N, C-alpha and C. Protein backbone atom coordinates (compact mmCIF):
# COMPACT_ATOMS: atom_id res chain seq x y z
N MET A 1 0.85 -1.16 0.00
CA MET A 1 0.00 0.00 0.00
C MET A 1 0.90 1.23 0.00
N ALA A 2 0.55 2.26 -0.82
CA ALA A 2 1.33 3.48 -0.91
C ALA A 2 0.91 4.45 0.18
N THR A 3 1.88 5.18 0.68
CA THR A 3 1.57 6.18 1.71
C THR A 3 1.85 7.57 1.17
N ASN A 4 1.13 8.53 1.63
CA ASN A 4 1.29 9.91 1.21
C ASN A 4 2.26 10.57 2.19
N SER A 5 3.36 11.10 1.69
CA SER A 5 4.35 11.74 2.56
C SER A 5 4.11 13.25 2.71
N THR A 6 3.07 13.78 2.06
CA THR A 6 2.76 15.21 2.16
C THR A 6 2.07 15.47 3.49
N PRO A 7 2.57 16.48 4.26
CA PRO A 7 1.90 16.77 5.53
C PRO A 7 0.49 17.28 5.30
N LYS A 8 -0.39 16.97 6.21
CA LYS A 8 -1.79 17.36 6.12
C LYS A 8 -1.94 18.79 6.63
N LYS A 9 -2.68 19.61 5.87
CA LYS A 9 -2.92 20.99 6.27
C LYS A 9 -3.98 21.02 7.36
N PRO A 10 -3.84 21.96 8.34
CA PRO A 10 -4.88 22.05 9.35
C PRO A 10 -6.19 22.52 8.73
N ALA A 11 -7.27 22.09 9.31
CA ALA A 11 -8.59 22.45 8.80
C ALA A 11 -8.85 23.93 9.04
N ALA A 12 -9.55 24.55 8.11
CA ALA A 12 -9.91 25.96 8.25
C ALA A 12 -10.92 26.09 9.39
N PRO A 13 -10.84 27.20 10.17
CA PRO A 13 -11.80 27.36 11.27
C PRO A 13 -13.22 27.51 10.73
N ASP A 14 -14.13 26.96 11.46
CA ASP A 14 -15.54 27.03 11.07
C ASP A 14 -16.05 28.44 11.32
N VAL A 15 -16.77 29.00 10.38
CA VAL A 15 -17.29 30.36 10.50
C VAL A 15 -18.23 30.47 11.69
N ALA A 16 -18.98 29.45 11.97
CA ALA A 16 -19.94 29.48 13.07
C ALA A 16 -19.24 29.52 14.42
N GLU A 17 -17.99 29.06 14.48
CA GLU A 17 -17.27 29.04 15.75
C GLU A 17 -16.57 30.35 16.05
N GLU A 18 -16.50 31.27 15.09
CA GLU A 18 -15.82 32.54 15.32
C GLU A 18 -16.59 33.38 16.33
N SER A 19 -15.87 34.27 16.97
CA SER A 19 -16.48 35.14 17.97
C SER A 19 -17.48 36.09 17.31
N THR A 20 -18.57 36.34 17.99
CA THR A 20 -19.59 37.25 17.46
C THR A 20 -19.56 38.58 18.21
N ASP A 21 -18.42 38.89 18.86
CA ASP A 21 -18.30 40.16 19.57
C ASP A 21 -18.37 41.30 18.56
N ILE A 22 -19.09 42.34 18.91
CA ILE A 22 -19.21 43.52 18.06
C ILE A 22 -18.11 44.49 18.45
N VAL A 23 -17.32 44.89 17.48
CA VAL A 23 -16.24 45.82 17.73
C VAL A 23 -16.73 47.20 17.32
N THR A 24 -16.68 48.13 18.24
CA THR A 24 -17.11 49.48 17.93
C THR A 24 -15.93 50.43 18.07
N GLN A 25 -15.98 51.50 17.30
CA GLN A 25 -14.96 52.52 17.38
C GLN A 25 -15.57 53.73 18.07
N PRO A 26 -14.74 54.50 18.78
CA PRO A 26 -15.28 55.68 19.44
C PRO A 26 -15.78 56.69 18.41
N ALA A 27 -16.80 57.42 18.77
CA ALA A 27 -17.36 58.43 17.87
C ALA A 27 -16.34 59.55 17.69
N PRO A 28 -16.25 60.11 16.48
CA PRO A 28 -15.31 61.21 16.27
C PRO A 28 -15.73 62.43 17.08
N ALA A 29 -14.76 63.21 17.45
CA ALA A 29 -15.03 64.43 18.23
C ALA A 29 -15.86 65.39 17.36
N ALA A 30 -16.74 66.14 18.01
CA ALA A 30 -17.59 67.08 17.28
C ALA A 30 -16.76 68.15 16.60
N ARG A 31 -15.67 68.56 17.23
CA ARG A 31 -14.82 69.59 16.67
C ARG A 31 -13.37 69.20 16.88
N PRO A 32 -12.56 69.26 15.83
CA PRO A 32 -11.16 68.87 16.00
C PRO A 32 -10.44 69.82 16.96
N PRO A 33 -9.45 69.32 17.69
CA PRO A 33 -8.72 70.17 18.62
C PRO A 33 -7.89 71.22 17.89
N ALA A 34 -7.60 72.31 18.56
CA ALA A 34 -6.81 73.38 17.97
C ALA A 34 -5.38 72.91 17.77
N ILE A 35 -4.74 73.44 16.75
CA ILE A 35 -3.35 73.11 16.44
C ILE A 35 -2.46 74.02 17.28
N ALA A 36 -1.47 73.44 17.95
CA ALA A 36 -0.60 74.20 18.84
C ALA A 36 0.46 74.98 18.07
N ALA A 37 0.98 74.44 16.96
CA ALA A 37 2.04 75.11 16.21
C ALA A 37 1.43 75.83 15.01
N PRO A 38 1.97 77.00 14.66
CA PRO A 38 1.46 77.71 13.49
C PRO A 38 1.67 76.91 12.22
N VAL A 39 0.71 77.00 11.29
CA VAL A 39 0.80 76.32 10.01
C VAL A 39 0.84 77.35 8.90
N GLY A 40 1.28 76.95 7.73
CA GLY A 40 1.34 77.86 6.60
C GLY A 40 2.62 78.65 6.59
N PRO A 41 2.59 79.83 5.96
CA PRO A 41 3.79 80.66 5.89
C PRO A 41 4.30 81.02 7.29
N ALA A 42 5.60 81.25 7.39
CA ALA A 42 6.23 81.56 8.68
C ALA A 42 5.66 82.84 9.29
N VAL A 43 5.58 82.82 10.61
CA VAL A 43 5.08 83.98 11.34
C VAL A 43 6.24 84.94 11.56
N SER A 44 6.01 86.22 11.32
CA SER A 44 7.02 87.24 11.54
C SER A 44 7.35 87.32 13.02
N PRO A 45 8.62 87.55 13.37
CA PRO A 45 8.97 87.66 14.79
C PRO A 45 8.31 88.86 15.47
N LEU A 46 7.85 89.82 14.68
CA LEU A 46 7.20 91.01 15.25
C LEU A 46 5.70 90.86 15.44
N ALA A 47 5.13 89.78 14.88
CA ALA A 47 3.68 89.58 14.96
C ALA A 47 3.38 88.27 15.66
N ALA A 48 2.29 88.27 16.42
CA ALA A 48 1.87 87.05 17.11
C ALA A 48 0.93 86.27 16.19
N PRO A 49 1.02 84.95 16.19
CA PRO A 49 0.09 84.16 15.36
C PRO A 49 -1.34 84.30 15.86
N VAL A 50 -2.29 84.13 14.94
CA VAL A 50 -3.70 84.24 15.29
C VAL A 50 -4.39 82.90 15.04
N THR A 51 -5.45 82.64 15.78
CA THR A 51 -6.24 81.42 15.61
C THR A 51 -7.43 81.74 14.72
N VAL A 52 -7.63 80.92 13.70
CA VAL A 52 -8.77 81.07 12.80
C VAL A 52 -9.53 79.76 12.76
N THR A 53 -10.83 79.84 12.48
CA THR A 53 -11.68 78.65 12.33
C THR A 53 -12.04 78.52 10.86
N LEU A 54 -11.70 77.38 10.28
CA LEU A 54 -11.94 77.18 8.85
C LEU A 54 -13.42 76.90 8.58
N SER A 55 -13.92 77.44 7.46
CA SER A 55 -15.31 77.22 7.08
C SER A 55 -15.44 76.19 5.96
N HIS A 56 -14.32 75.80 5.35
CA HIS A 56 -14.30 74.83 4.26
C HIS A 56 -13.12 73.89 4.45
N HIS A 57 -13.14 72.75 3.72
CA HIS A 57 -11.97 71.88 3.71
C HIS A 57 -10.81 72.66 3.12
N HIS A 58 -9.63 72.50 3.69
CA HIS A 58 -8.46 73.21 3.18
C HIS A 58 -7.22 72.38 3.47
N GLU A 59 -6.28 72.38 2.55
CA GLU A 59 -5.03 71.66 2.74
C GLU A 59 -3.89 72.65 2.82
N ILE A 60 -3.11 72.57 3.91
CA ILE A 60 -1.98 73.46 4.12
C ILE A 60 -0.76 72.59 4.39
N ASP A 61 0.29 72.79 3.61
CA ASP A 61 1.55 72.05 3.77
C ASP A 61 1.33 70.54 3.79
N GLY A 62 0.41 70.03 2.96
CA GLY A 62 0.19 68.60 2.86
C GLY A 62 -0.72 68.01 3.92
N THR A 63 -1.26 68.84 4.82
CA THR A 63 -2.18 68.36 5.85
C THR A 63 -3.57 68.88 5.54
N ALA A 64 -4.55 67.98 5.51
CA ALA A 64 -5.94 68.35 5.22
C ALA A 64 -6.64 68.75 6.51
N TYR A 65 -7.36 69.84 6.48
CA TYR A 65 -8.13 70.32 7.63
C TYR A 65 -9.60 70.34 7.25
N VAL A 66 -10.45 69.93 8.18
CA VAL A 66 -11.89 69.86 7.95
C VAL A 66 -12.55 71.17 8.36
N PRO A 67 -13.76 71.43 7.88
CA PRO A 67 -14.48 72.63 8.32
C PRO A 67 -14.64 72.61 9.85
N GLY A 68 -14.43 73.74 10.47
CA GLY A 68 -14.54 73.84 11.92
C GLY A 68 -13.22 73.67 12.63
N ALA A 69 -12.17 73.29 11.91
CA ALA A 69 -10.86 73.13 12.54
C ALA A 69 -10.30 74.50 12.89
N GLU A 70 -9.72 74.60 14.07
CA GLU A 70 -9.08 75.85 14.48
C GLU A 70 -7.59 75.68 14.29
N ILE A 71 -7.00 76.61 13.52
CA ILE A 71 -5.58 76.54 13.25
C ILE A 71 -4.91 77.85 13.62
N LEU A 72 -3.64 77.79 13.90
CA LEU A 72 -2.83 78.94 14.26
C LEU A 72 -2.04 79.34 13.03
N VAL A 73 -2.18 80.59 12.57
CA VAL A 73 -1.51 81.05 11.35
C VAL A 73 -0.96 82.45 11.57
N ALA A 74 -0.11 82.88 10.64
CA ALA A 74 0.42 84.25 10.64
C ALA A 74 -0.73 85.22 10.33
N PRO A 75 -0.69 86.42 10.90
CA PRO A 75 -1.77 87.39 10.64
C PRO A 75 -1.98 87.67 9.15
N GLU A 76 -0.89 87.77 8.37
CA GLU A 76 -1.01 88.04 6.94
C GLU A 76 -1.71 86.87 6.23
N TYR A 77 -1.38 85.65 6.63
CA TYR A 77 -2.00 84.47 6.04
C TYR A 77 -3.47 84.38 6.43
N ALA A 78 -3.80 84.79 7.65
CA ALA A 78 -5.20 84.81 8.09
C ALA A 78 -6.02 85.75 7.22
N GLU A 79 -5.44 86.90 6.87
CA GLU A 79 -6.15 87.85 6.00
C GLU A 79 -6.36 87.27 4.61
N ARG A 80 -5.36 86.55 4.09
CA ARG A 80 -5.52 85.92 2.77
C ARG A 80 -6.60 84.85 2.82
N LEU A 81 -6.64 84.06 3.89
CA LEU A 81 -7.67 83.03 4.02
C LEU A 81 -9.06 83.65 4.12
N ARG A 82 -9.18 84.76 4.85
CA ARG A 82 -10.46 85.46 4.97
C ARG A 82 -10.92 85.97 3.60
N ALA A 83 -10.00 86.56 2.86
CA ALA A 83 -10.33 87.11 1.54
C ALA A 83 -10.78 86.02 0.58
N GLN A 84 -10.23 84.82 0.72
CA GLN A 84 -10.60 83.71 -0.15
C GLN A 84 -11.81 82.94 0.34
N GLY A 85 -12.33 83.29 1.52
CA GLY A 85 -13.54 82.65 2.03
C GLY A 85 -13.33 81.37 2.81
N TYR A 86 -12.09 81.08 3.24
CA TYR A 86 -11.82 79.85 3.97
C TYR A 86 -12.03 79.98 5.47
N VAL A 87 -12.21 81.20 5.96
CA VAL A 87 -12.33 81.42 7.40
C VAL A 87 -13.73 81.89 7.75
N GLN A 88 -14.27 81.34 8.84
CA GLN A 88 -15.60 81.78 9.29
C GLN A 88 -15.50 83.21 9.80
N PRO A 89 -16.52 84.00 9.52
CA PRO A 89 -16.50 85.41 9.97
C PRO A 89 -16.57 85.54 11.47
């Protein structure tokens, strides 16, 4: 009688035996936290950075910000964002 020298693979787990625990993720925060470091163009040493709240999606330096995000920017950059409609009044 011939014998098979190939090792036998373990049986696949039965789907019915898998855990039925429900995994939930925490709900996203209603408003993203403020950014501690200024973003965008460099802030002049003579001017203090200002905090603005974005009214639209905006990407600065490769980072995407959602509406309602509060970011710290140079005063000149804040004026440009206001003129373009990215900042809430």
